[in-house]
Amino acid sequence: MSRLVVVTGAGRGLGFTIAERLATAGDRVVIAEMRPELADAAQKSLRDKGCDVTSVVTDIANRDSVMALASRVEELGGADALVNNAALADGVGGDAFWELDEAFFQKVMTVNAFGTWLVSKHLFAQLVRDGNGAIVNIASDAALYGLPRLVHYVGSKGAVVAMTRTMARDGGPHGLRVNAVAPGLTRVEATATVPASRFQLYADNRALVGEQIPGDVAGPVQFLLSDAARYLTGQTVVVDGGFVMN
């Protein structure tokens, strides 16, 4: 039987591309998406391609919503893998750390860091049932070089990188692998409001030529979920064309 993979924030952009990549390769995919219209459209688009896809409207920062997601996934046979992609990223930049609204800082941290943990927590029992589960957390290369005027977003994605290491330590004895992918600046809906100067910064400083597209990230995510990465855990794979090099 094919794997069941949960992809959060998969109604559009990077999350949708990841879900599409996995589903067209034969995985059963659950699209966990907060916006009902995006969830429905993504489900229809992939089902029209013959994919086994189910959408579940989910707010990853809300415990009851995440528990309902876990129950629905259990009804479908239980999760074998999880991609924590959902995050608050649209139009979040512009303020220096001393200018940032306190409530907004907390909101970004809650969705991006707490939400990643919450979904992982409530799917854990399913993921370890067969002793071969995998989680991929989507971080950001911005957390690795300190992008200015984004302290809340950078802080949340830095938390995801750090959480990945501890989750890998906790999950390892149960056969659960946990890794992160840190994309660079990618042309998706969530980056539509990013200033042209930042796209130029990446263009001028990448080792590879050309803009980053969602498919550049979907491939490494697919690899990290696969048996080819069976002995890889606790790592953050930077996928940004060589803008940041560890």
C-alpha atoms as a PDB file:
ATOM      1  CA  MET A   1       0.000   0.000   0.000  1.00  0.00           C
ATOM      2  CA  SER A   2       1.285   3.478  -0.828  1.00  0.00           C
ATOM      3  CA  ARG A   3       2.373   5.873   1.885  1.00  0.00           C
ATOM      4  CA  LEU A   4       0.043   8.461   3.329  1.00  0.00           C
ATOM      5  CA  VAL A   5       1.796  11.842   3.550  1.00  0.00           C
ATOM      6  CA  VAL A   6       0.361  14.912   5.249  1.00  0.00           C
ATOM      7  CA  VAL A   7       1.482  18.230   3.774  1.00  0.00           C
ATOM      8  CA  THR A   8       0.457  21.357   5.652  1.00  0.00           C
ATOM      9  CA  GLY A   9      -0.134  24.640   3.860  1.00  0.00           C
ATOM     10  CA  ALA A  10      -0.489  22.766   0.591  1.00  0.00           C
ATOM     11  CA  GLY A  11      -3.259  24.823  -0.953  1.00  0.00           C
ATOM     12  CA  ARG A  12      -0.866  26.868  -3.050  1.00  0.00           C
ATOM     13  CA  GLY A  13       2.766  27.709  -3.745  1.00  0.00           C
ATOM     14  CA  LEU A  14       5.547  25.568  -2.350  1.00  0.00           C
ATOM     15  CA  GLY A  15       3.221  23.335  -0.335  1.00  0.00           C
ATOM     16  CA  PHE A  16       1.084  22.555  -3.356  1.00  0.00           C
ATOM     17  CA  THR A  17       4.157  21.754  -5.457  1.00  0.00           C
ATOM     18  CA  ILE A  18       5.418  19.382  -2.755  1.00  0.00           C
ATOM     19  CA  ALA A  19       2.011  17.702  -2.539  1.00  0.00           C
ATOM     20  CA  GLU A  20       1.846  17.415  -6.320  1.00  0.00           C
ATOM     21  CA  ARG A  21       5.340  15.928  -6.513  1.00  0.00           C
ATOM     22  CA  LEU A  22       4.533  13.278  -3.921  1.00  0.00           C
ATOM     23  CA  ALA A  23       1.050  12.482  -5.233  1.00  0.00           C
ATOM     24  CA  THR A  24       2.096  12.101  -8.862  1.00  0.00           C
ATOM     25  CA  ALA A  25       4.839   9.725  -7.696  1.00  0.00           C
ATOM     26  CA  GLY A  26       2.210   7.470  -6.112  1.00  0.00           C
ATOM     27  CA  ASP A  27       1.844   8.653  -2.528  1.00  0.00           C
ATOM     28  CA  ARG A  28      -1.552   9.273  -1.012  1.00  0.00           C
ATOM     29  CA  VAL A  29      -1.543  12.870   0.171  1.00  0.00           C
ATOM     30  CA  VAL A  30      -3.540  14.811   2.722  1.00  0.00           C
ATOM     31  CA  ILE A  31      -3.586  18.537   2.022  1.00  0.00           C
ATOM     32  CA  ALA A  32      -3.917  20.350   5.351  1.00  0.00           C
ATOM     33  CA  GLU A  33      -4.825  23.903   4.394  1.00  0.00           C
ATOM     34  CA  MET A  34      -6.385  26.714   6.425  1.00  0.00           C
ATOM     35  CA  ARG A  35      -8.243  28.426   3.574  1.00  0.00           C
ATOM     36  CA  PRO A  36     -11.203  26.305   2.416  1.00  0.00           C
ATOM     37  CA  GLU A  37     -11.190  27.682  -1.133  1.00  0.00           C
ATOM     38  CA  LEU A  38      -7.505  26.826  -1.564  1.00  0.00           C
ATOM     39  CA  ALA A  39      -7.982  23.383  -0.032  1.00  0.00           C
ATOM     40  CA  ASP A  40     -10.838  22.598  -2.407  1.00  0.00           C
ATOM     41  CA  ALA A  41      -9.017  23.906  -5.474  1.00  0.00           C
ATOM     42  CA  ALA A  42      -5.834  21.987  -4.682  1.00  0.00           C
ATOM     43  CA  GLN A  43      -7.758  18.770  -4.081  1.00  0.00           C
ATOM     44  CA  LYS A  44      -9.656  19.127  -7.351  1.00  0.00           C
ATOM     45  CA  SER A  45      -6.523  19.970  -9.330  1.00  0.00           C
ATOM     46  CA  LEU A  46      -4.669  16.873  -8.157  1.00  0.00           C
ATOM     47  CA  ARG A  47      -7.662  14.552  -8.356  1.00  0.00           C
ATOM     48  CA  ASP A  48      -8.126  15.669 -11.959  1.00  0.00           C
ATOM     49  CA  LYS A  49      -4.615  14.313 -12.548  1.00  0.00           C
ATOM     50  CA  GLY A  50      -5.602  10.950 -11.100  1.00  0.00           C
ATOM     51  CA  CYS A  51      -3.963  11.475  -7.707  1.00  0.00           C
ATOM     52  CA  ASP A  52      -5.251  10.087  -4.407  1.00  0.00           C
ATOM     53  CA  VAL A  53      -5.617  13.346  -2.478  1.00  0.00           C
ATOM     54  CA  THR A  54      -7.812  14.445   0.420  1.00  0.00           C
ATOM     55  CA  SER A  55      -8.021  18.012   1.693  1.00  0.00           C
ATOM     56  CA  VAL A  56      -8.676  18.848   5.335  1.00  0.00           C
ATOM     57  CA  VAL A  57      -9.242  22.452   6.384  1.00  0.00           C
ATOM     58  CA  THR A  58      -6.731  22.975   9.187  1.00  0.00           C
ATOM     59  CA  ASP A  59      -5.421  25.813  11.328  1.00  0.00           C
ATOM     60  CA  ILE A  60      -2.070  24.474  12.502  1.00  0.00           C
ATOM     61  CA  ALA A  61      -1.948  26.885  15.441  1.00  0.00           C
ATOM     62  CA  ASN A  62      -5.285  25.683  16.837  1.00  0.00           C
ATOM     63  CA  ARG A  63      -5.253  22.537  18.980  1.00  0.00           C
ATOM     64  CA  ASP A  64      -8.814  21.461  18.199  1.00  0.00           C
ATOM     65  CA  SER A  65      -8.253  21.919  14.481  1.00  0.00           C
ATOM     66  CA  VAL A  66      -5.041  19.883  14.570  1.00  0.00           C
ATOM     67  CA  MET A  67      -6.713  17.130  16.588  1.00  0.00           C
ATOM     68  CA  ALA A  68      -9.494  16.999  13.991  1.00  0.00           C
ATOM     69  CA  LEU A  69      -6.832  16.682  11.282  1.00  0.00           C
ATOM     70  CA  ALA A  70      -5.215  13.806  13.157  1.00  0.00           C
ATOM     71  CA  SER A  71      -8.562  12.041  13.487  1.00  0.00           C
ATOM     72  CA  ARG A  72      -9.302  12.390   9.776  1.00  0.00           C
ATOM     73  CA  VAL A  73      -5.833  11.136   8.844  1.00  0.00           C
ATOM     74  CA  GLU A  74      -6.342   8.151  11.145  1.00  0.00           C
ATOM     75  CA  GLU A  75      -9.582   7.358   9.316  1.00  0.00           C
ATOM     76  CA  LEU A  76      -7.587   7.301   6.086  1.00  0.00           C
ATOM     77  CA  GLY A  77      -5.164   4.737   7.496  1.00  0.00           C
ATOM     78  CA  GLY A  78      -2.728   6.864   9.495  1.00  0.00           C
ATOM     79  CA  ALA A  79       0.174   9.077   8.481  1.00  0.00           C
ATOM     80  CA  ASP A  80       3.453   7.585   7.312  1.00  0.00           C
ATOM     81  CA  ALA A  81       5.134  10.950   6.731  1.00  0.00           C
ATOM     82  CA  LEU A  82       4.598  14.635   7.422  1.00  0.00           C
ATOM     83  CA  VAL A  83       5.765  17.801   5.710  1.00  0.00           C
ATOM     84  CA  ASN A  84       5.415  20.821   7.996  1.00  0.00           C
ATOM     85  CA  ASN A  85       5.211  23.507   5.326  1.00  0.00           C
ATOM     86  CA  ALA A  86       2.445  25.820   6.578  1.00  0.00           C
ATOM     87  CA  ALA A  87       3.712  29.177   7.811  1.00  0.00           C
ATOM     88  CA  LEU A  88       2.775  32.816   8.027  1.00  0.00           C
ATOM     89  CA  ALA A  89       4.990  34.501   5.446  1.00  0.00           C
ATOM     90  CA  ASP A  90       2.887  36.826   3.291  1.00  0.00           C
ATOM     91  CA  GLY A  91       3.867  40.464   3.723  1.00  0.00           C
ATOM     92  CA  VAL A  92       5.539  39.982   7.101  1.00  0.00           C
ATOM     93  CA  GLY A  93       8.680  42.061   6.518  1.00  0.00           C
ATOM     94  CA  GLY A  94       9.610  45.724   6.710  1.00  0.00           C
ATOM     95  CA  ASP A  95      10.094  46.602  10.386  1.00  0.00           C
ATOM     96  CA  ALA A  96      13.310  46.617  12.385  1.00  0.00           C
ATOM     97  CA  PHE A  97      13.159  44.567  15.571  1.00  0.00           C
ATOM     98  CA  TRP A  98      12.472  47.619  17.768  1.00  0.00           C
ATOM     99  CA  GLU A  99       9.604  48.766  15.533  1.00  0.00           C
ATOM    100  CA  LEU A 100       7.746  45.481  15.302  1.00  0.00           C
ATOM    101  CA  ASP A 101       4.281  45.138  16.793  1.00  0.00           C
ATOM    102  CA  GLU A 102       4.333  42.773  19.768  1.00  0.00           C
ATOM    103  CA  ALA A 103       1.118  40.968  18.884  1.00  0.00           C
ATOM    104  CA  PHE A 104       2.268  40.366  15.327  1.00  0.00           C
ATOM    105  CA  PHE A 105       5.620  39.005  16.528  1.00  0.00           C
ATOM    106  CA  GLN A 106       3.760  36.553  18.730  1.00  0.00           C
ATOM    107  CA  LYS A 107       1.380  35.568  15.921  1.00  0.00           C
ATOM    108  CA  VAL A 108       4.195  34.718  13.503  1.00  0.00           C
ATOM    109  CA  MET A 109       6.046  32.713  16.141  1.00  0.00           C
ATOM    110  CA  THR A 110       2.844  30.904  17.116  1.00  0.00           C
ATOM    111  CA  VAL A 111       1.971  29.815  13.598  1.00  0.00           C
ATOM    112  CA  ASN A 112       5.455  29.026  12.327  1.00  0.00           C
ATOM    113  CA  ALA A 113       7.085  27.425  15.361  1.00  0.00           C
ATOM    114  CA  PHE A 114       4.275  26.349  17.689  1.00  0.00           C
ATOM    115  CA  GLY A 115       2.158  25.149  14.750  1.00  0.00           C
ATOM    116  CA  THR A 116       4.989  22.986  13.424  1.00  0.00           C
ATOM    117  CA  TRP A 117       5.351  21.374  16.848  1.00  0.00           C
ATOM    118  CA  LEU A 118       1.608  20.974  17.373  1.00  0.00           C
ATOM    119  CA  VAL A 119       0.993  19.056  14.147  1.00  0.00           C
ATOM    120  CA  SER A 120       4.040  16.858  14.769  1.00  0.00           C
ATOM    121  CA  LYS A 121       2.866  16.130  18.317  1.00  0.00           C
ATOM    122  CA  HIS A 122      -0.609  15.022  17.325  1.00  0.00           C
ATOM    123  CA  LEU A 123       0.531  12.890  14.379  1.00  0.00           C
ATOM    124  CA  PHE A 124       3.442  11.302  16.267  1.00  0.00           C
ATOM    125  CA  ALA A 125       1.634   8.105  17.268  1.00  0.00           C
ATOM    126  CA  GLN A 126       0.656   7.466  13.662  1.00  0.00           C
ATOM    127  CA  LEU A 127       4.088   8.273  12.285  1.00  0.00           C
ATOM    128  CA  VAL A 128       5.880   5.765  14.537  1.00  0.00           C
ATOM    129  CA  ARG A 129       3.362   2.937  14.197  1.00  0.00           C
ATOM    130  CA  ASP A 130       5.452   1.028  11.656  1.00  0.00           C
ATOM    131  CA  GLY A 131       8.838   2.219  12.941  1.00  0.00           C
ATOM    132  CA  ASN A 132       9.679   3.972   9.673  1.00  0.00           C
ATOM    133  CA  GLY A 133       8.161   7.437   9.842  1.00  0.00           C
ATOM    134  CA  ALA A 134       9.594  10.684   8.532  1.00  0.00           C
ATOM    135  CA  ILE A 135       9.053  14.390   9.069  1.00  0.00           C
ATOM    136  CA  VAL A 136      10.397  17.227   6.950  1.00  0.00           C
ATOM    137  CA  ASN A 137      10.113  20.703   8.449  1.00  0.00           C
ATOM    138  CA  ILE A 138      10.295  23.625   6.043  1.00  0.00           C
ATOM    139  CA  ALA A 139      12.601  26.269   7.501  1.00  0.00           C
ATOM    140  CA  SER A 140      14.291  29.121   5.603  1.00  0.00           C
ATOM    141  CA  ASP A 141      17.818  30.103   4.676  1.00  0.00           C
ATOM    142  CA  ALA A 142      16.937  33.537   6.099  1.00  0.00           C
ATOM    143  CA  ALA A 143      17.405  32.023   9.561  1.00  0.00           C
ATOM    144  CA  LEU A 144      20.971  31.053   8.669  1.00  0.00           C
ATOM    145  CA  TYR A 145      22.246  34.484   7.670  1.00  0.00           C
ATOM    146  CA  GLY A 146      20.038  36.878   9.607  1.00  0.00           C
ATOM    147  CA  LEU A 147      17.858  38.646   7.056  1.00  0.00           C
ATOM    148  CA  PRO A 148      17.158  42.169   8.342  1.00  0.00           C
ATOM    149  CA  ARG A 149      13.713  43.554   9.171  1.00  0.00           C
ATOM    150  CA  LEU A 150      12.251  40.098   9.668  1.00  0.00           C
ATOM    151  CA  VAL A 151      13.164  39.226  13.253  1.00  0.00           C
ATOM    152  CA  HIS A 152       9.840  37.474  13.915  1.00  0.00           C
ATOM    153  CA  TYR A 153       9.954  35.351  10.752  1.00  0.00           C
ATOM    154  CA  VAL A 154      13.695  34.645  11.042  1.00  0.00           C
ATOM    155  CA  GLY A 155      13.252  33.792  14.715  1.00  0.00           C
ATOM    156  CA  SER A 156      10.419  31.390  13.937  1.00  0.00           C
ATOM    157  CA  LYS A 157      12.373  29.624  11.205  1.00  0.00           C
ATOM    158  CA  GLY A 158      15.468  29.488  13.398  1.00  0.00           C
ATOM    159  CA  ALA A 159      13.280  27.792  15.972  1.00  0.00           C
ATOM    160  CA  VAL A 160      12.198  25.261  13.350  1.00  0.00           C
ATOM    161  CA  VAL A 161      15.862  24.442  12.599  1.00  0.00           C
ATOM    162  CA  ALA A 162      16.620  23.964  16.299  1.00  0.00           C
ATOM    163  CA  MET A 163      13.416  22.020  16.931  1.00  0.00           C
ATOM    164  CA  THR A 164      14.302  19.664  14.090  1.00  0.00           C
ATOM    165  CA  ARG A 165      17.438  18.534  15.935  1.00  0.00           C
ATOM    166  CA  THR A 166      15.632  17.803  19.185  1.00  0.00           C
ATOM    167  CA  MET A 167      12.709  16.147  17.409  1.00  0.00           C
ATOM    168  CA  ALA A 168      15.232  13.889  15.657  1.00  0.00           C
ATOM    169  CA  ARG A 169      16.806  12.943  19.001  1.00  0.00           C
ATOM    170  CA  ASP A 170      13.413  12.234  20.554  1.00  0.00           C
ATOM    171  CA  GLY A 171      12.065  10.380  17.536  1.00  0.00           C
ATOM    172  CA  GLY A 172      15.115   8.308  16.642  1.00  0.00           C
ATOM    173  CA  PRO A 173      14.508   5.481  19.138  1.00  0.00           C
ATOM    174  CA  HIS A 174      11.013   5.116  17.636  1.00  0.00           C
ATOM    175  CA  GLY A 175      12.299   4.882  14.067  1.00  0.00           C
ATOM    176  CA  LEU A 176      11.217   8.438  13.237  1.00  0.00           C
ATOM    177  CA  ARG A 177      13.528  10.542  11.101  1.00  0.00           C
ATOM    178  CA  VAL A 178      13.189  14.337  11.290  1.00  0.00           C
ATOM    179  CA  ASN A 179      14.967  16.698   8.922  1.00  0.00           C
ATOM    180  CA  ALA A 180      14.502  20.243   7.680  1.00  0.00           C
ATOM    181  CA  VAL A 181      14.776  21.934   4.313  1.00  0.00           C
ATOM    182  CA  ALA A 182      15.752  25.603   4.255  1.00  0.00           C
ATOM    183  CA  PRO A 183      14.712  27.139   0.931  1.00  0.00           C
ATOM    184  CA  GLY A 184      16.019  30.396  -0.399  1.00  0.00           C
ATOM    185  CA  LEU A 185      13.873  33.145  -1.895  1.00  0.00           C
ATOM    186  CA  THR A 186      11.424  31.340  -4.173  1.00  0.00           C
ATOM    187  CA  ARG A 187       8.929  32.758  -6.676  1.00  0.00           C
ATOM    188  CA  VAL A 188       5.578  31.844  -5.089  1.00  0.00           C
ATOM    189  CA  GLU A 189       2.454  33.697  -3.995  1.00  0.00           C
ATOM    190  CA  ALA A 190       3.845  34.278  -0.507  1.00  0.00           C
ATOM    191  CA  THR A 191       6.815  36.239  -1.896  1.00  0.00           C
ATOM    192  CA  ALA A 192       4.788  38.470  -4.195  1.00  0.00           C
ATOM    193  CA  THR A 193       5.296  41.442  -1.867  1.00  0.00           C
ATOM    194  CA  VAL A 194       9.026  40.889  -1.335  1.00  0.00           C
ATOM    195  CA  PRO A 195      10.997  43.927  -2.560  1.00  0.00           C
ATOM    196  CA  ALA A 196      12.775  43.606  -5.897  1.00  0.00           C
ATOM    197  CA  SER A 197      16.028  44.488  -4.131  1.00  0.00           C
ATOM    198  CA  ARG A 198      15.940  41.235  -2.184  1.00  0.00           C
ATOM    199  CA  PHE A 199      15.412  39.175  -5.329  1.00  0.00           C
ATOM    200  CA  GLN A 200      18.371  41.047  -6.784  1.00  0.00           C
ATOM    201  CA  LEU A 201      20.446  40.271  -3.675  1.00  0.00           C
ATOM    202  CA  TYR A 202      19.870  36.568  -4.260  1.00  0.00           C
ATOM    203  CA  ALA A 203      20.496  36.851  -7.991  1.00  0.00           C
ATOM    204  CA  ASP A 204      23.827  38.566  -7.365  1.00  0.00           C
ATOM    205  CA  ASN A 205      25.052  36.158  -4.686  1.00  0.00           C
ATOM    206  CA  ARG A 206      23.845  32.685  -5.639  1.00  0.00           C
ATOM    207  CA  ALA A 207      26.452  30.246  -6.884  1.00  0.00           C
ATOM    208  CA  LEU A 208      23.928  28.947  -9.409  1.00  0.00           C
ATOM    209  CA  VAL A 209      22.341  31.123 -12.050  1.00  0.00           C
ATOM    210  CA  GLY A 210      18.578  31.540 -12.337  1.00  0.00           C
ATOM    211  CA  GLU A 211      15.626  32.107 -10.032  1.00  0.00           C
ATOM    212  CA  GLN A 212      14.548  29.498  -7.530  1.00  0.00           C
ATOM    213  CA  ILE A 213      11.225  27.808  -8.257  1.00  0.00           C
ATOM    214  CA  PRO A 214       9.086  25.560  -6.003  1.00  0.00           C
ATOM    215  CA  GLY A 215      10.163  22.397  -7.810  1.00  0.00           C
ATOM    216  CA  ASP A 216      13.733  23.015  -6.654  1.00  0.00           C
ATOM    217  CA  VAL A 217      12.540  22.384  -3.090  1.00  0.00           C
ATOM    218  CA  ALA A 218      10.039  19.598  -3.750  1.00  0.00           C
ATOM    219  CA  GLY A 219      12.742  17.223  -4.982  1.00  0.00           C
ATOM    220  CA  PRO A 220      14.891  17.381  -1.822  1.00  0.00           C
ATOM    221  CA  VAL A 221      11.768  17.018   0.329  1.00  0.00           C
ATOM    222  CA  GLN A 222      10.793  13.898  -1.593  1.00  0.00           C
ATOM    223  CA  PHE A 223      14.303  12.502  -1.110  1.00  0.00           C
ATOM    224  CA  LEU A 224      14.295  13.143   2.645  1.00  0.00           C
ATOM    225  CA  LEU A 225      10.998  11.277   2.978  1.00  0.00           C
ATOM    226  CA  SER A 226      12.280   8.313   0.984  1.00  0.00           C
ATOM    227  CA  ASP A 227      14.136   5.159   1.995  1.00  0.00           C
ATOM    228  CA  ALA A 228      17.169   6.580   0.194  1.00  0.00           C
ATOM    229  CA  ALA A 229      17.537   8.894   3.207  1.00  0.00           C
ATOM    230  CA  ARG A 230      16.926   6.153   5.794  1.00  0.00           C
ATOM    231  CA  TYR A 231      20.074   7.027   7.782  1.00  0.00           C
ATOM    232  CA  LEU A 232      19.742  10.796   7.614  1.00  0.00           C
ATOM    233  CA  THR A 233      18.154  12.663  10.502  1.00  0.00           C
ATOM    234  CA  GLY A 234      18.485  15.894  12.443  1.00  0.00           C
ATOM    235  CA  GLN A 235      19.875  17.744   9.427  1.00  0.00           C
ATOM    236  CA  THR A 236      18.953  20.986   7.700  1.00  0.00           C
ATOM    237  CA  VAL A 237      19.400  20.870   3.931  1.00  0.00           C
ATOM    238  CA  VAL A 238      19.823  24.348   2.470  1.00  0.00           C
ATOM    239  CA  VAL A 239      18.253  24.617  -0.978  1.00  0.00           C
ATOM    240  CA  ASP A 240      19.004  28.099  -2.313  1.00  0.00           C
ATOM    241  CA  GLY A 241      21.423  27.740  -5.214  1.00  0.00           C
ATOM    242  CA  GLY A 242      24.448  28.304  -3.023  1.00  0.00           C
ATOM    243  CA  PHE A 243      23.417  31.647  -1.537  1.00  0.00           C
ATOM    244  CA  VAL A 244      24.160  30.285   1.943  1.00  0.00           C
ATOM    245  CA  MET A 245      26.852  27.654   2.308  1.00  0.00           C
ATOM    246  CA  ASN A 246      27.322  25.812   5.607  1.00  0.00           C
END
